[in-house]
């Protein structure tokens, strides 16, 4: 399932330390994709929209 760069709250909710190794690696890959995204800002991470920002 494709994820958007602003899906950090969803990624954190999906964290399962008891998951199989492969699933944890995929989760880590998605988090690293979020970090490398064009807009990994705090506002985007917490879902606060800034005035004048285009979505």
N, C-alpha and C. Protein backbone atom coordinates (compact mmCIF):
# COMPACT_ATOMS: atom_id res chain seq x y z
N UNK A 1 0.84 -1.17 0.00
CA UNK A 1 0.00 0.00 0.00
C UNK A 1 0.88 1.23 0.00
N UNK A 2 0.70 2.12 -0.98
CA UNK A 2 1.53 3.33 -1.02
C UNK A 2 1.19 4.26 0.15
N UNK A 3 2.20 4.93 0.63
CA UNK A 3 2.02 5.85 1.75
C UNK A 3 2.42 7.25 1.32
N UNK A 4 1.78 8.22 1.92
CA UNK A 4 2.14 9.60 1.65
C UNK A 4 3.19 10.04 2.67
N UNK A 5 3.93 11.07 2.32
CA UNK A 5 4.98 11.55 3.20
C UNK A 5 4.44 12.04 4.54
N UNK A 6 3.18 12.46 4.58
CA UNK A 6 2.63 12.98 5.83
C UNK A 6 1.93 11.92 6.66
N UNK A 7 2.24 10.68 6.45
CA UNK A 7 1.60 9.58 7.16
C UNK A 7 2.34 9.16 8.44
N UNK A 8 3.13 10.04 9.03
CA UNK A 8 3.89 9.65 10.21
C UNK A 8 3.01 9.18 11.37
N UNK A 9 1.91 9.86 11.69
CA UNK A 9 1.07 9.34 12.78
C UNK A 9 0.58 7.91 12.52
N UNK A 10 0.26 7.62 11.27
CA UNK A 10 -0.17 6.26 10.92
C UNK A 10 0.99 5.28 11.07
N UNK A 11 2.17 5.69 10.62
CA UNK A 11 3.34 4.82 10.75
C UNK A 11 3.61 4.50 12.22
N UNK A 12 3.55 5.51 13.05
CA UNK A 12 3.81 5.29 14.48
C UNK A 12 2.74 4.40 15.11
N UNK A 13 1.51 4.54 14.66
CA UNK A 13 0.43 3.71 15.19
C UNK A 13 0.61 2.25 14.77
N UNK A 14 1.24 2.03 13.62
CA UNK A 14 1.43 0.67 13.11
C UNK A 14 2.65 -0.04 13.70
N UNK A 15 3.45 0.68 14.45
CA UNK A 15 4.65 0.08 15.03
C UNK A 15 4.29 -1.10 15.92
N UNK A 16 4.89 -2.24 15.65
CA UNK A 16 4.64 -3.45 16.43
C UNK A 16 5.99 -4.11 16.72
N UNK A 17 6.54 -3.90 17.91
CA UNK A 17 7.85 -4.48 18.22
C UNK A 17 7.85 -6.00 18.26
N UNK A 18 6.68 -6.61 18.33
CA UNK A 18 6.57 -8.07 18.35
C UNK A 18 6.41 -8.67 16.95
N UNK A 19 6.39 -7.83 15.92
CA UNK A 19 6.20 -8.30 14.55
C UNK A 19 7.42 -9.09 14.08
N UNK A 20 7.24 -9.83 13.02
CA UNK A 20 8.34 -10.57 12.42
C UNK A 20 9.40 -9.60 11.91
N UNK A 21 10.62 -10.08 11.79
CA UNK A 21 11.75 -9.25 11.38
C UNK A 21 11.49 -8.55 10.04
N UNK A 22 10.97 -9.27 9.06
CA UNK A 22 10.72 -8.67 7.75
C UNK A 22 9.71 -7.53 7.85
N UNK A 23 8.67 -7.71 8.64
CA UNK A 23 7.66 -6.66 8.80
C UNK A 23 8.25 -5.42 9.49
N UNK A 24 9.12 -5.64 10.48
CA UNK A 24 9.78 -4.51 11.15
C UNK A 24 10.72 -3.79 10.20
N UNK A 25 11.39 -4.53 9.32
CA UNK A 25 12.26 -3.89 8.33
C UNK A 25 11.45 -3.04 7.37
N UNK A 26 10.30 -3.55 6.92
CA UNK A 26 9.45 -2.76 6.03
C UNK A 26 8.97 -1.50 6.72
N UNK A 27 8.61 -1.61 8.00
CA UNK A 27 8.18 -0.44 8.75
C UNK A 27 9.31 0.59 8.80
N UNK A 28 10.52 0.13 9.08
CA UNK A 28 11.67 1.03 9.13
C UNK A 28 11.91 1.70 7.78
N UNK A 29 11.77 0.96 6.71
CA UNK A 29 11.93 1.54 5.37
C UNK A 29 10.93 2.66 5.16
N UNK A 30 9.68 2.46 5.57
CA UNK A 30 8.66 3.50 5.42
C UNK A 30 8.98 4.73 6.27
N UNK A 31 9.49 4.53 7.47
CA UNK A 31 9.88 5.66 8.31
C UNK A 31 11.03 6.42 7.65
N UNK A 32 11.99 5.71 7.12
CA UNK A 32 13.11 6.37 6.45
C UNK A 32 12.65 7.11 5.20
N UNK A 33 11.66 6.58 4.50
CA UNK A 33 11.08 7.30 3.36
C UNK A 33 10.45 8.60 3.83
N UNK A 34 9.77 8.55 4.99
CA UNK A 34 9.17 9.77 5.54
C UNK A 34 10.25 10.80 5.85
N UNK A 35 11.35 10.35 6.45
CA UNK A 35 12.44 11.26 6.80
C UNK A 35 13.01 11.91 5.54
N UNK A 36 13.13 11.15 4.48
CA UNK A 36 13.71 11.66 3.24
C UNK A 36 12.71 12.38 2.35
N UNK A 37 11.46 12.50 2.76
CA UNK A 37 10.43 13.14 1.95
C UNK A 37 10.69 14.64 1.82
N UNK A 38 10.03 15.24 0.88
CA UNK A 38 10.22 16.66 0.61
C UNK A 38 9.77 17.54 1.76
N UNK A 39 8.78 17.10 2.54
CA UNK A 39 8.24 17.94 3.61
C UNK A 39 8.13 17.20 4.94
N UNK A 40 9.20 16.67 5.49
CA UNK A 40 9.08 15.99 6.78
C UNK A 40 9.12 16.97 7.95
N UNK A 41 8.24 17.97 7.92
CA UNK A 41 8.26 18.99 8.96
C UNK A 41 7.45 18.55 10.18
N UNK A 42 7.64 19.25 11.25
CA UNK A 42 6.90 18.96 12.48
C UNK A 42 5.41 19.19 12.25
N UNK A 43 5.07 20.27 11.55
CA UNK A 43 3.67 20.57 11.29
C UNK A 43 2.99 19.45 10.52
N UNK A 44 3.67 18.92 9.53
CA UNK A 44 3.12 17.83 8.75
C UNK A 44 3.00 16.58 9.61
N UNK A 45 3.98 16.33 10.46
CA UNK A 45 3.98 15.14 11.29
C UNK A 45 2.82 15.12 12.27
N UNK A 46 2.47 16.27 12.81
CA UNK A 46 1.39 16.31 13.80
C UNK A 46 0.07 16.70 13.19
N UNK A 47 0.02 16.94 11.89
CA UNK A 47 -1.23 17.20 11.20
C UNK A 47 -1.73 18.62 11.34
N UNK A 48 -0.85 19.56 11.65
CA UNK A 48 -1.24 20.97 11.74
C UNK A 48 -1.01 21.61 10.40
N UNK A 49 -2.03 22.22 9.83
CA UNK A 49 -1.81 22.89 8.55
C UNK A 49 -1.45 24.34 8.80
N UNK A 50 -0.50 24.83 8.03
CA UNK A 50 -0.04 26.19 8.19
C UNK A 50 -0.81 27.07 7.22
N UNK A 51 -1.17 28.29 7.63
CA UNK A 51 -1.90 29.19 6.73
C UNK A 51 -1.10 29.47 5.47
N UNK A 52 -1.79 29.42 4.35
CA UNK A 52 -1.15 29.69 3.07
C UNK A 52 -0.40 28.52 2.47
N UNK A 53 -0.35 27.39 3.16
CA UNK A 53 0.34 26.22 2.64
C UNK A 53 -0.55 25.51 1.64
N UNK A 54 0.04 25.07 0.56
CA UNK A 54 -0.74 24.33 -0.44
C UNK A 54 -0.57 22.85 -0.21
N UNK A 55 -1.67 22.10 -0.36
CA UNK A 55 -1.63 20.64 -0.16
C UNK A 55 -1.55 19.93 -1.46
